[in-house]
Structures are given as structure tokens and as C-alpha cells.
Amino acid sequence: MSKKFLILLLALGEFMIGTAESIVTGIIGMIADDTDVSLSLAGQLVTAFSLAFAFGAPVLIALTAGVERKKLILWTLFSFIVANLLASISPSFSLLMLSRILLGLCGGIYTVVALAQAANMASPEKKGRRAYKRKNVKVLPTWQ
């Protein structure tokens, strides 16, 4: 497989994780109704994912420093899929919360490792290059 294709696959995985993180916000009301919890408690599903992502990932990355990165990415994606399946069939809010924490941990690990791997796969002349060009971009103040 070419490096461009592999980088595209890593980006697709990152898109999947980003979608899993934010899609819950659109269905919080339905989750609250289905699990018989308050809307604010259901909103904690987003918080749990974000906290696990932010604080769990650095710890887990340090703990898995000796693991081959390719294996780590594959195990993380497998765990991410299992946690999503767990979330989809969870009969209780507690199990749903646990699955969101697992999703956050998996998402954090994947993001760190995938971005590092993609940067390592980039050709030397493209390393450190911006992902976008600011040419002809106009920024308008929001008060206009």
C-alpha cells in the first residue's frame, strides 16, 4: 500500500473517532428519555468521553510506549469497535457511561499514535507543512 493511502486510512479512523465523540450531543434528549435520566446527566456522556480522552490518553500512551505502533493502532481500533457495540446494546445508563469512557480512552490513544505515524510517513519535503494554505483567506469580524 502507498503511504498516501495509509495516511488516508489513518485520517478516516480519526474522522470516525471524532464523529463518535460529537454525535452524542445531537441525541442527548433521546438518550435521556431512553435511559430515564435527566438531560444534564445524559450530557455527562460527552464530558466522560472528553475527560477520558484528555487525561487517559497521555497515561496510556506512556504505559504502551514499548508496544509496536501498528499493533497499538489495530488493538485500539478493535477496542473502539467493541466499545461502540457495547454502547449500542447497553441496557443501562451506567454501562453506556462506561462505554463512553472506553471510547474516550481508545480515541485518545488512536489520535496520538495516528498523528505521529502520519507525520512519520510524510515525505521529508512535506514534513511540517501546513495542512491548509492561507492564501486568499479573508477573515471577517463576527460583529459585522
Foldseek 3Di string as FASTA:
>chain_A
DALVVVLVVLVVVLVVLVCVLPVQVVCLVVVCVQQVHDSVVSVCLNVLLQCLLVPVLVVVCVVCVVPDLVVLLVVLVVQLVVLVVQLVPPNHPVSVSVSSSSSSNSSNNSVVSSVVVSLVSDDPVCRPPDPDDCPPDDDDDPVD
